[in-house]
Amino acid sequence: MSVTSLERRSSGPRPVQQRIKMITKKFIYAYLEPRPENSRCGEVRYIGQTTTGFNRCTGWSGQYCTKARNWLKNLEDRKLKPPIKILAVLTPDASLSELNRQEIRFIAYYRSLGADLKNMTEGGGGTKGTRRSDEFKKRLADSNHNRVWLEESKLKVSLAKRGKHLSEEHKRNVGLAKKGQKHSEETIAKIRLANLGRVLPESTKLKLSLSMKGRKHSEEHNRKVGLGRKGKRHSPESILKMRLAKLGKPRSEETKRKISLGKIGKKASAEAKLHMKQGWQKRTEKELYL
């Protein structure tokens, strides 16, 4: 067993701290409420872990944990120190993941008993379970507004995220958070310039194609796309590329039927009629030549 529970202080000739120093420096500890006038006096108020023995739990000032820091500062102002309770002792060869697991287990256990813990997370060294106030979020957003990232920092973030796959739930949450948000004209121009001339590899094109396959847009979306493209003309180079891409591709009967139904009741413009006439003339001349 890598974990030894010391929730009940056993009687013996040596104090608890001396006994633990002889075993290991890795254990889970708790701070108890020392204020006698507090209704939770003697209860567990904070749970932490240490790999350096009592140096950590006797000298920690609540770094990275606002609630614990404020609580400890309040006690310090009153010249009080929280009693330390050892919850579990791990063997010297215990891994960090095992230490994190035990911390998470004890935090969950005491919270299930109704303990008012000063821990801001679920434990284990991460940020899972953290609840930020709206005021904190606003301050964070204001501090990051117009922040300019160094190229070195961008590269580090990119390398750190490379190869990581987001879960479907995470993707859905991101989508819901961004729903209704609109980019400014300046942001749109920046995105356009960043993607200008970018050539996607065939594997990326295939992924995009498969992700879009079977997706149907709403009538409102189609109408907006139509209005957005109204009046825009393709360059001769783009027209040639599209023509070459479609050249020789046979259309299915369903596609032909849809095109036919889509053109019912529509009148071709004079420019379109001239274009069709020129096309037929070229085709006739080609057939005569052959």
C-alpha atoms as a PDB file:
ATOM      1  CA  MET A   1       0.000   0.000   0.000  1.00  0.00           C
ATOM      2  CA  SER A   2       1.336   3.403  -0.996  1.00  0.00           C
ATOM      3  CA  VAL A   3      -1.123   5.336   1.186  1.00  0.00           C
ATOM      4  CA  THR A   4      -1.296   5.262   4.959  1.00  0.00           C
ATOM      5  CA  SER A   5      -4.233   7.006   6.613  1.00  0.00           C
ATOM      6  CA  LEU A   6      -3.467   9.062   9.706  1.00  0.00           C
ATOM      7  CA  GLU A   7      -6.858  10.686  10.189  1.00  0.00           C
ATOM      8  CA  ARG A   8      -6.909   9.459  13.798  1.00  0.00           C
ATOM      9  CA  ARG A   9      -3.837  10.534  15.685  1.00  0.00           C
ATOM     10  CA  SER A  10      -2.349   7.455  17.285  1.00  0.00           C
ATOM     11  CA  SER A  11      -0.779   7.706  20.718  1.00  0.00           C
ATOM     12  CA  GLY A  12       2.973   7.152  20.976  1.00  0.00           C
ATOM     13  CA  PRO A  13       6.211   8.536  22.293  1.00  0.00           C
ATOM     14  CA  ARG A  14       6.970  10.624  19.166  1.00  0.00           C
ATOM     15  CA  PRO A  15       4.925  13.592  17.840  1.00  0.00           C
ATOM     16  CA  VAL A  16       3.119  13.091  14.514  1.00  0.00           C
ATOM     17  CA  GLN A  17       5.530  15.346  12.569  1.00  0.00           C
ATOM     18  CA  GLN A  18       8.578  13.368  13.734  1.00  0.00           C
ATOM     19  CA  ARG A  19       6.959  10.051  12.853  1.00  0.00           C
ATOM     20  CA  ILE A  20       6.078  11.265   9.326  1.00  0.00           C
ATOM     21  CA  LYS A  21       9.568  12.670   8.735  1.00  0.00           C
ATOM     22  CA  MET A  22      10.905   9.169   9.309  1.00  0.00           C
ATOM     23  CA  ILE A  23       8.501   7.705   6.729  1.00  0.00           C
ATOM     24  CA  THR A  24       8.240  10.146   3.777  1.00  0.00           C
ATOM     25  CA  LYS A  25       7.864  13.758   2.705  1.00  0.00           C
ATOM     26  CA  LYS A  26       4.803  13.018   0.540  1.00  0.00           C
ATOM     27  CA  PHE A  27       1.417  13.334   2.226  1.00  0.00           C
ATOM     28  CA  ILE A  28      -2.030  14.939   2.067  1.00  0.00           C
ATOM     29  CA  TYR A  29      -2.721  17.504   4.782  1.00  0.00           C
ATOM     30  CA  ALA A  30      -5.606  19.711   5.914  1.00  0.00           C
ATOM     31  CA  TYR A  31      -5.870  23.100   7.620  1.00  0.00           C
ATOM     32  CA  LEU A  32      -8.467  23.282  10.397  1.00  0.00           C
ATOM     33  CA  GLU A  33     -10.509  26.312  11.449  1.00  0.00           C
ATOM     34  CA  PRO A  34      -8.797  27.797  14.576  1.00  0.00           C
ATOM     35  CA  ARG A  35     -11.216  30.632  15.430  1.00  0.00           C
ATOM     36  CA  PRO A  36     -13.299  29.611  18.463  1.00  0.00           C
ATOM     37  CA  GLU A  37     -16.128  32.025  17.643  1.00  0.00           C
ATOM     38  CA  ASN A  38     -16.535  30.500  14.166  1.00  0.00           C
ATOM     39  CA  SER A  39     -19.321  27.944  13.808  1.00  0.00           C
ATOM     40  CA  ARG A  40     -16.946  25.656  11.883  1.00  0.00           C
ATOM     41  CA  CYS A  41     -14.183  25.741  14.498  1.00  0.00           C
ATOM     42  CA  GLY A  42     -12.126  22.550  14.342  1.00  0.00           C
ATOM     43  CA  GLU A  43     -13.461  21.592  10.878  1.00  0.00           C
ATOM     44  CA  VAL A  44     -11.361  21.056   7.754  1.00  0.00           C
ATOM     45  CA  ARG A  45     -11.125  24.296   5.737  1.00  0.00           C
ATOM     46  CA  TYR A  46      -8.391  23.547   3.210  1.00  0.00           C
ATOM     47  CA  ILE A  47      -6.832  20.355   1.761  1.00  0.00           C
ATOM     48  CA  GLY A  48      -3.426  20.275   0.084  1.00  0.00           C
ATOM     49  CA  GLN A  49      -0.546  18.015  -0.880  1.00  0.00           C
ATOM     50  CA  THR A  50       3.203  18.202  -0.325  1.00  0.00           C
ATOM     51  CA  THR A  51       6.348  16.516  -1.597  1.00  0.00           C
ATOM     52  CA  THR A  52       8.676  18.506   0.701  1.00  0.00           C
ATOM     53  CA  GLY A  53       7.206  17.503   4.046  1.00  0.00           C
ATOM     54  CA  PHE A  54       6.146  20.092   6.601  1.00  0.00           C
ATOM     55  CA  ASN A  55       8.100  22.858   4.859  1.00  0.00           C
ATOM     56  CA  ARG A  56       5.168  23.169   2.479  1.00  0.00           C
ATOM     57  CA  CYS A  57       2.175  22.967   4.792  1.00  0.00           C
ATOM     58  CA  THR A  58       3.690  25.184   7.511  1.00  0.00           C
ATOM     59  CA  GLY A  59       5.030  27.869   5.186  1.00  0.00           C
ATOM     60  CA  TRP A  60       2.371  28.021   2.451  1.00  0.00           C
ATOM     61  CA  SER A  61       0.618  31.390   2.129  1.00  0.00           C
ATOM     62  CA  GLY A  62      -2.215  30.471  -0.228  1.00  0.00           C
ATOM     63  CA  GLN A  63      -0.422  31.146  -3.486  1.00  0.00           C
ATOM     64  CA  TYR A  64      -2.622  30.663  -6.597  1.00  0.00           C
ATOM     65  CA  CYS A  65      -5.703  30.214  -4.369  1.00  0.00           C
ATOM     66  CA  THR A  66      -7.461  33.497  -3.578  1.00  0.00           C
ATOM     67  CA  LYS A  67      -9.948  32.108  -1.059  1.00  0.00           C
ATOM     68  CA  ALA A  68      -7.290  30.265   0.947  1.00  0.00           C
ATOM     69  CA  ARG A  69      -4.916  33.241   0.766  1.00  0.00           C
ATOM     70  CA  ASN A  70      -7.533  35.659   2.127  1.00  0.00           C
ATOM     71  CA  TRP A  71      -8.448  33.204   4.893  1.00  0.00           C
ATOM     72  CA  LEU A  72      -4.819  32.700   5.946  1.00  0.00           C
ATOM     73  CA  LYS A  73      -4.185  36.460   5.817  1.00  0.00           C
ATOM     74  CA  ASN A  74      -7.168  37.021   8.103  1.00  0.00           C
ATOM     75  CA  LEU A  75      -5.776  34.471  10.571  1.00  0.00           C
ATOM     76  CA  GLU A  76      -2.304  36.008  10.383  1.00  0.00           C
ATOM     77  CA  ASP A  77      -3.719  39.468  11.189  1.00  0.00           C
ATOM     78  CA  ARG A  78      -5.237  37.941  14.321  1.00  0.00           C
ATOM     79  CA  LYS A  79      -1.968  36.121  15.109  1.00  0.00           C
ATOM     80  CA  LEU A  80      -3.562  32.735  14.618  1.00  0.00           C
ATOM     81  CA  LYS A  81      -2.253  29.659  12.821  1.00  0.00           C
ATOM     82  CA  PRO A  82      -4.475  26.868  11.495  1.00  0.00           C
ATOM     83  CA  PRO A  83      -3.866  23.438  13.064  1.00  0.00           C
ATOM     84  CA  ILE A  84      -2.568  20.860  10.582  1.00  0.00           C
ATOM     85  CA  LYS A  85      -4.236  17.477  10.205  1.00  0.00           C
ATOM     86  CA  ILE A  86      -2.507  14.717   8.242  1.00  0.00           C
ATOM     87  CA  LEU A  87      -5.063  12.873   6.121  1.00  0.00           C
ATOM     88  CA  ALA A  88      -2.867  10.378   4.273  1.00  0.00           C
ATOM     89  CA  VAL A  89       0.838   9.546   3.971  1.00  0.00           C
ATOM     90  CA  LEU A  90       2.319   8.162   0.751  1.00  0.00           C
ATOM     91  CA  THR A  91       5.451   6.084   0.372  1.00  0.00           C
ATOM     92  CA  PRO A  92       8.622   7.786  -0.949  1.00  0.00           C
ATOM     93  CA  ASP A  93       8.279   6.036  -4.330  1.00  0.00           C
ATOM     94  CA  ALA A  94       4.681   7.235  -4.860  1.00  0.00           C
ATOM     95  CA  SER A  95       4.180   9.079  -8.158  1.00  0.00           C
ATOM     96  CA  LEU A  96       2.833  12.619  -8.577  1.00  0.00           C
ATOM     97  CA  SER A  97      -0.292  11.238 -10.258  1.00  0.00           C
ATOM     98  CA  GLU A  98      -0.997   9.116  -7.166  1.00  0.00           C
ATOM     99  CA  LEU A  99      -0.533  12.200  -4.966  1.00  0.00           C
ATOM    100  CA  ASN A 100      -2.946  14.171  -7.169  1.00  0.00           C
ATOM    101  CA  ARG A 101      -5.461  11.322  -7.098  1.00  0.00           C
ATOM    102  CA  GLN A 102      -5.436  11.205  -3.300  1.00  0.00           C
ATOM    103  CA  GLU A 103      -5.861  14.981  -3.043  1.00  0.00           C
ATOM    104  CA  ILE A 104      -8.851  14.887  -5.416  1.00  0.00           C
ATOM    105  CA  ARG A 105     -10.337  11.979  -3.421  1.00  0.00           C
ATOM    106  CA  PHE A 106     -10.092  13.773  -0.059  1.00  0.00           C
ATOM    107  CA  ILE A 107     -11.453  17.073  -1.413  1.00  0.00           C
ATOM    108  CA  ALA A 108     -14.435  15.258  -2.929  1.00  0.00           C
ATOM    109  CA  TYR A 109     -14.976  13.294   0.303  1.00  0.00           C
ATOM    110  CA  TYR A 110     -14.990  16.313   2.637  1.00  0.00           C
ATOM    111  CA  ARG A 111     -17.182  18.319   0.272  1.00  0.00           C
ATOM    112  CA  SER A 112     -19.673  15.452   0.243  1.00  0.00           C
ATOM    113  CA  LEU A 113     -19.787  15.801   4.053  1.00  0.00           C
ATOM    114  CA  GLY A 114     -20.654  19.496   3.698  1.00  0.00           C
ATOM    115  CA  ALA A 115     -17.246  20.961   4.532  1.00  0.00           C
ATOM    116  CA  ASP A 116     -16.806  24.620   3.535  1.00  0.00           C
ATOM    117  CA  LEU A 117     -13.410  24.211   1.889  1.00  0.00           C
ATOM    118  CA  LYS A 118     -11.288  27.116   0.719  1.00  0.00           C
ATOM    119  CA  ASN A 119     -10.027  25.043  -2.247  1.00  0.00           C
ATOM    120  CA  MET A 120     -11.013  26.726  -5.506  1.00  0.00           C
ATOM    121  CA  THR A 121     -10.578  23.581  -7.637  1.00  0.00           C
ATOM    122  CA  GLU A 122     -11.238  19.858  -7.426  1.00  0.00           C
ATOM    123  CA  GLY A 123      -7.545  19.286  -6.636  1.00  0.00           C
ATOM    124  CA  GLY A 124      -4.784  17.488  -8.458  1.00  0.00           C
ATOM    125  CA  GLY A 125      -2.884  20.611  -9.499  1.00  0.00           C
ATOM    126  CA  GLY A 126      -5.321  21.560 -12.274  1.00  0.00           C
ATOM    127  CA  THR A 127      -7.996  24.246 -12.645  1.00  0.00           C
ATOM    128  CA  LYS A 128     -10.952  21.881 -12.990  1.00  0.00           C
ATOM    129  CA  GLY A 129     -13.870  23.003 -10.846  1.00  0.00           C
ATOM    130  CA  THR A 130     -12.740  26.648 -10.655  1.00  0.00           C
ATOM    131  CA  ARG A 131     -15.590  29.165 -10.601  1.00  0.00           C
ATOM    132  CA  ARG A 132     -14.690  32.709 -11.612  1.00  0.00           C
ATOM    133  CA  SER A 133     -16.859  35.722 -10.807  1.00  0.00           C
ATOM    134  CA  ASP A 134     -18.190  37.955 -13.597  1.00  0.00           C
ATOM    135  CA  GLU A 135     -16.043  40.786 -12.260  1.00  0.00           C
ATOM    136  CA  PHE A 136     -12.902  38.625 -12.514  1.00  0.00           C
ATOM    137  CA  LYS A 137     -13.813  37.567 -16.071  1.00  0.00           C
ATOM    138  CA  LYS A 138     -14.302  41.221 -17.072  1.00  0.00           C
ATOM    139  CA  ARG A 139     -10.927  42.220 -15.613  1.00  0.00           C
ATOM    140  CA  LEU A 140      -9.268  39.319 -17.448  1.00  0.00           C
ATOM    141  CA  ALA A 141     -10.950  40.285 -20.735  1.00  0.00           C
ATOM    142  CA  ASP A 142      -9.912  43.940 -20.332  1.00  0.00           C
ATOM    143  CA  SER A 143      -6.294  42.962 -19.609  1.00  0.00           C
ATOM    144  CA  ASN A 144      -6.155  40.756 -22.731  1.00  0.00           C
ATOM    145  CA  HIS A 145      -7.838  43.338 -24.979  1.00  0.00           C
ATOM    146  CA  ASN A 146      -5.513  44.527 -27.764  1.00  0.00           C
ATOM    147  CA  ARG A 147      -2.773  42.268 -26.403  1.00  0.00           C
ATOM    148  CA  VAL A 148       0.006  41.724 -28.946  1.00  0.00           C
ATOM    149  CA  TRP A 149       1.541  38.250 -28.944  1.00  0.00           C
ATOM    150  CA  LEU A 150       5.215  37.771 -29.776  1.00  0.00           C
ATOM    151  CA  GLU A 151       6.001  35.385 -32.632  1.00  0.00           C
ATOM    152  CA  GLU A 152       7.946  33.223 -30.166  1.00  0.00           C
ATOM    153  CA  SER A 153       4.895  32.985 -27.885  1.00  0.00           C
ATOM    154  CA  LYS A 154       2.635  32.112 -30.820  1.00  0.00           C
ATOM    155  CA  LEU A 155       5.005  29.322 -31.842  1.00  0.00           C
ATOM    156  CA  LYS A 156       5.078  27.903 -28.287  1.00  0.00           C
ATOM    157  CA  VAL A 157       1.268  27.890 -28.065  1.00  0.00           C
ATOM    158  CA  SER A 158       1.020  26.275 -31.502  1.00  0.00           C
ATOM    159  CA  LEU A 159       3.502  23.503 -30.604  1.00  0.00           C
ATOM    160  CA  ALA A 160       1.756  22.882 -27.267  1.00  0.00           C
ATOM    161  CA  LYS A 161      -1.635  22.410 -28.948  1.00  0.00           C
ATOM    162  CA  ARG A 162      -0.364  20.385 -31.893  1.00  0.00           C
ATOM    163  CA  GLY A 163      -1.775  16.872 -32.026  1.00  0.00           C
ATOM    164  CA  LYS A 164      -4.418  17.533 -29.342  1.00  0.00           C
ATOM    165  CA  HIS A 165      -7.987  16.572 -30.238  1.00  0.00           C
ATOM    166  CA  LEU A 166     -10.938  18.345 -28.657  1.00  0.00           C
ATOM    167  CA  SER A 167     -13.861  16.274 -27.423  1.00  0.00           C
ATOM    168  CA  GLU A 168     -17.273  16.641 -29.077  1.00  0.00           C
ATOM    169  CA  GLU A 169     -18.638  18.252 -25.914  1.00  0.00           C
ATOM    170  CA  HIS A 170     -15.786  20.796 -25.905  1.00  0.00           C
ATOM    171  CA  LYS A 171     -16.431  21.641 -29.574  1.00  0.00           C
ATOM    172  CA  ARG A 172     -20.138  22.065 -28.890  1.00  0.00           C
ATOM    173  CA  ASN A 173     -19.444  24.370 -25.925  1.00  0.00           C
ATOM    174  CA  VAL A 174     -17.068  26.503 -28.008  1.00  0.00           C
ATOM    175  CA  GLY A 175     -19.663  26.727 -30.774  1.00  0.00           C
ATOM    176  CA  LEU A 176     -22.399  27.807 -28.366  1.00  0.00           C
ATOM    177  CA  ALA A 177     -20.105  30.416 -26.783  1.00  0.00           C
ATOM    178  CA  LYS A 178     -19.296  31.935 -30.188  1.00  0.00           C
ATOM    179  CA  LYS A 179     -22.860  31.811 -31.496  1.00  0.00           C
ATOM    180  CA  GLY A 180     -24.094  35.262 -32.436  1.00  0.00           C
ATOM    181  CA  GLN A 181     -20.632  36.829 -32.268  1.00  0.00           C
ATOM    182  CA  LYS A 182     -19.639  38.927 -35.274  1.00  0.00           C
ATOM    183  CA  HIS A 183     -16.137  39.874 -36.363  1.00  0.00           C
ATOM    184  CA  SER A 184     -15.349  43.532 -36.922  1.00  0.00           C
ATOM    185  CA  GLU A 185     -14.392  44.730 -40.399  1.00  0.00           C
ATOM    186  CA  GLU A 186     -10.796  45.076 -39.219  1.00  0.00           C
ATOM    187  CA  THR A 187     -10.713  41.455 -37.979  1.00  0.00           C
ATOM    188  CA  ILE A 188     -12.254  40.189 -41.232  1.00  0.00           C
ATOM    189  CA  ALA A 189      -9.587  42.054 -43.227  1.00  0.00           C
ATOM    190  CA  LYS A 190      -6.822  40.545 -41.050  1.00  0.00           C
ATOM    191  CA  ILE A 191      -8.203  37.005 -41.468  1.00  0.00           C
ATOM    192  CA  ARG A 192      -8.465  37.524 -45.221  1.00  0.00           C
ATOM    193  CA  LEU A 193      -4.871  38.755 -45.520  1.00  0.00           C
ATOM    194  CA  ALA A 194      -3.600  35.885 -43.342  1.00  0.00           C
ATOM    195  CA  ASN A 195      -5.305  33.282 -45.584  1.00  0.00           C
ATOM    196  CA  LEU A 196      -4.534  34.988 -48.888  1.00  0.00           C
ATOM    197  CA  GLY A 197      -2.450  32.731 -51.114  1.00  0.00           C
ATOM    198  CA  ARG A 198      -2.585  29.884 -48.608  1.00  0.00           C
ATOM    199  CA  VAL A 199      -2.572  26.468 -50.281  1.00  0.00           C
ATOM    200  CA  LEU A 200      -4.289  23.709 -48.310  1.00  0.00           C
ATOM    201  CA  PRO A 201      -2.838  20.176 -48.508  1.00  0.00           C
ATOM    202  CA  GLU A 202      -4.978  17.468 -50.084  1.00  0.00           C
ATOM    203  CA  SER A 203      -5.521  15.762 -46.703  1.00  0.00           C
ATOM    204  CA  THR A 204      -7.015  18.981 -45.255  1.00  0.00           C
ATOM    205  CA  LYS A 205      -9.235  19.437 -48.326  1.00  0.00           C
ATOM    206  CA  LEU A 206     -10.505  15.875 -47.924  1.00  0.00           C
ATOM    207  CA  LYS A 207     -11.292  16.451 -44.221  1.00  0.00           C
ATOM    208  CA  LEU A 208     -13.184  19.657 -45.020  1.00  0.00           C
ATOM    209  CA  SER A 209     -15.084  17.911 -47.792  1.00  0.00           C
ATOM    210  CA  LEU A 210     -16.135  15.028 -45.532  1.00  0.00           C
ATOM    211  CA  SER A 211     -17.157  17.377 -42.698  1.00  0.00           C
ATOM    212  CA  MET A 212     -19.359  19.425 -45.055  1.00  0.00           C
ATOM    213  CA  LYS A 213     -20.895  16.424 -46.797  1.00  0.00           C
ATOM    214  CA  GLY A 214     -24.588  16.019 -46.048  1.00  0.00           C
ATOM    215  CA  ARG A 215     -24.814  19.382 -44.295  1.00  0.00           C
ATOM    216  CA  LYS A 216     -27.858  21.391 -45.276  1.00  0.00           C
ATOM    217  CA  HIS A 217     -28.054  25.141 -44.795  1.00  0.00           C
ATOM    218  CA  SER A 218     -31.235  26.886 -43.759  1.00  0.00           C
ATOM    219  CA  GLU A 219     -33.180  29.053 -46.209  1.00  0.00           C
ATOM    220  CA  GLU A 220     -32.159  32.139 -44.249  1.00  0.00           C
ATOM    221  CA  HIS A 221     -28.473  31.165 -44.561  1.00  0.00           C
ATOM    222  CA  ASN A 222     -28.822  30.608 -48.318  1.00  0.00           C
ATOM    223  CA  ARG A 223     -30.562  33.969 -48.678  1.00  0.00           C
ATOM    224  CA  LYS A 224     -27.767  35.741 -46.774  1.00  0.00           C
ATOM    225  CA  VAL A 225     -25.101  34.044 -48.911  1.00  0.00           C
ATOM    226  CA  GLY A 226     -26.977  35.085 -52.041  1.00  0.00           C
ATOM    227  CA  LEU A 227     -27.227  38.700 -50.897  1.00  0.00           C
ATOM    228  CA  GLY A 228     -23.563  38.692 -49.917  1.00  0.00           C
ATOM    229  CA  ARG A 229     -22.492  37.505 -53.381  1.00  0.00           C
ATOM    230  CA  LYS A 230     -24.887  39.718 -55.303  1.00  0.00           C
ATOM    231  CA  GLY A 231     -23.055  41.939 -57.763  1.00  0.00           C
ATOM    232  CA  LYS A 232     -19.750  40.117 -57.324  1.00  0.00           C
ATOM    233  CA  ARG A 233     -18.061  38.809 -60.465  1.00  0.00           C
ATOM    234  CA  HIS A 234     -15.421  36.139 -60.796  1.00  0.00           C
ATOM    235  CA  SER A 235     -12.167  37.039 -62.491  1.00  0.00           C
ATOM    236  CA  PRO A 236     -11.412  35.352 -65.872  1.00  0.00           C
ATOM    237  CA  GLU A 237      -8.724  33.312 -64.085  1.00  0.00           C
ATOM    238  CA  SER A 238     -11.232  32.009 -61.500  1.00  0.00           C
ATOM    239  CA  ILE A 239     -13.768  31.202 -64.239  1.00  0.00           C
ATOM    240  CA  LEU A 240     -11.138  29.214 -66.136  1.00  0.00           C
ATOM    241  CA  LYS A 241     -10.151  27.288 -62.984  1.00  0.00           C
ATOM    242  CA  MET A 242     -13.796  26.397 -62.224  1.00  0.00           C
ATOM    243  CA  ARG A 243     -14.382  25.356 -65.827  1.00  0.00           C
ATOM    244  CA  LEU A 244     -11.331  23.069 -65.863  1.00  0.00           C
ATOM    245  CA  ALA A 245     -12.320  21.562 -62.502  1.00  0.00           C
ATOM    246  CA  LYS A 246     -15.784  20.653 -63.807  1.00  0.00           C
ATOM    247  CA  LEU A 247     -14.722  19.632 -67.286  1.00  0.00           C
ATOM    248  CA  GLY A 248     -15.531  16.025 -68.057  1.00  0.00           C
ATOM    249  CA  LYS A 249     -17.500  15.462 -64.842  1.00  0.00           C
ATOM    250  CA  PRO A 250     -20.824  13.768 -65.624  1.00  0.00           C
ATOM    251  CA  ARG A 251     -23.888  15.060 -63.770  1.00  0.00           C
ATOM    252  CA  SER A 252     -26.273  12.657 -62.104  1.00  0.00           C
ATOM    253  CA  GLU A 253     -29.932  12.515 -63.158  1.00  0.00           C
ATOM    254  CA  GLU A 254     -30.933  14.007 -59.807  1.00  0.00           C
ATOM    255  CA  THR A 255     -28.583  16.972 -60.304  1.00  0.00           C
ATOM    256  CA  LYS A 256     -29.945  17.550 -63.812  1.00  0.00           C
ATOM    257  CA  ARG A 257     -33.489  17.476 -62.474  1.00  0.00           C
ATOM    258  CA  LYS A 258     -32.675  19.980 -59.725  1.00  0.00           C
ATOM    259  CA  ILE A 259     -31.012  22.359 -62.203  1.00  0.00           C
ATOM    260  CA  SER A 260     -34.037  22.074 -64.504  1.00  0.00           C
ATOM    261  CA  LEU A 261     -36.485  22.772 -61.663  1.00  0.00           C
ATOM    262  CA  GLY A 262     -34.358  25.682 -60.453  1.00  0.00           C
ATOM    263  CA  LYS A 263     -34.523  27.353 -63.883  1.00  0.00           C
ATOM    264  CA  ILE A 264     -38.279  27.011 -64.339  1.00  0.00           C
ATOM    265  CA  GLY A 265     -39.887  30.422 -64.546  1.00  0.00           C
ATOM    266  CA  LYS A 266     -36.575  32.240 -64.716  1.00  0.00           C
ATOM    267  CA  LYS A 267     -35.770  34.477 -67.655  1.00  0.00           C
ATOM    268  CA  ALA A 268     -32.229  34.722 -68.898  1.00  0.00           C
ATOM    269  CA  SER A 269     -30.713  38.181 -69.153  1.00  0.00           C
ATOM    270  CA  ALA A 270     -29.569  39.594 -72.491  1.00  0.00           C
ATOM    271  CA  GLU A 271     -25.958  39.008 -71.422  1.00  0.00           C
ATOM    272  CA  ALA A 272     -26.702  35.383 -70.549  1.00  0.00           C
ATOM    273  CA  LYS A 273     -28.501  34.841 -73.870  1.00  0.00           C
ATOM    274  CA  LEU A 274     -25.516  36.250 -75.749  1.00  0.00           C
ATOM    275  CA  HIS A 275     -23.160  34.026 -73.775  1.00  0.00           C
ATOM    276  CA  MET A 276     -25.257  30.909 -74.533  1.00  0.00           C
ATOM    277  CA  LYS A 277     -25.447  31.880 -78.221  1.00  0.00           C
ATOM    278  CA  GLN A 278     -21.675  32.243 -78.450  1.00  0.00           C
ATOM    279  CA  GLY A 279     -21.271  28.889 -76.719  1.00  0.00           C
ATOM    280  CA  TRP A 280     -23.568  27.140 -79.183  1.00  0.00           C
ATOM    281  CA  GLN A 281     -21.768  28.767 -82.109  1.00  0.00           C
ATOM    282  CA  LYS A 282     -18.388  27.543 -80.848  1.00  0.00           C
ATOM    283  CA  ARG A 283     -19.778  24.048 -80.323  1.00  0.00           C
ATOM    284  CA  THR A 284     -21.282  23.984 -83.841  1.00  0.00           C
ATOM    285  CA  GLU A 285     -18.033  25.189 -85.405  1.00  0.00           C
ATOM    286  CA  LYS A 286     -16.128  22.503 -83.485  1.00  0.00           C
ATOM    287  CA  GLU A 287     -18.529  19.750 -84.672  1.00  0.00           C
ATOM    288  CA  LEU A 288     -18.260  20.972 -88.284  1.00  0.00           C
ATOM    289  CA  TYR A 289     -14.493  21.003 -88.021  1.00  0.00           C
ATOM    290  CA  LEU A 290     -14.458  17.433 -86.735  1.00  0.00           C
END
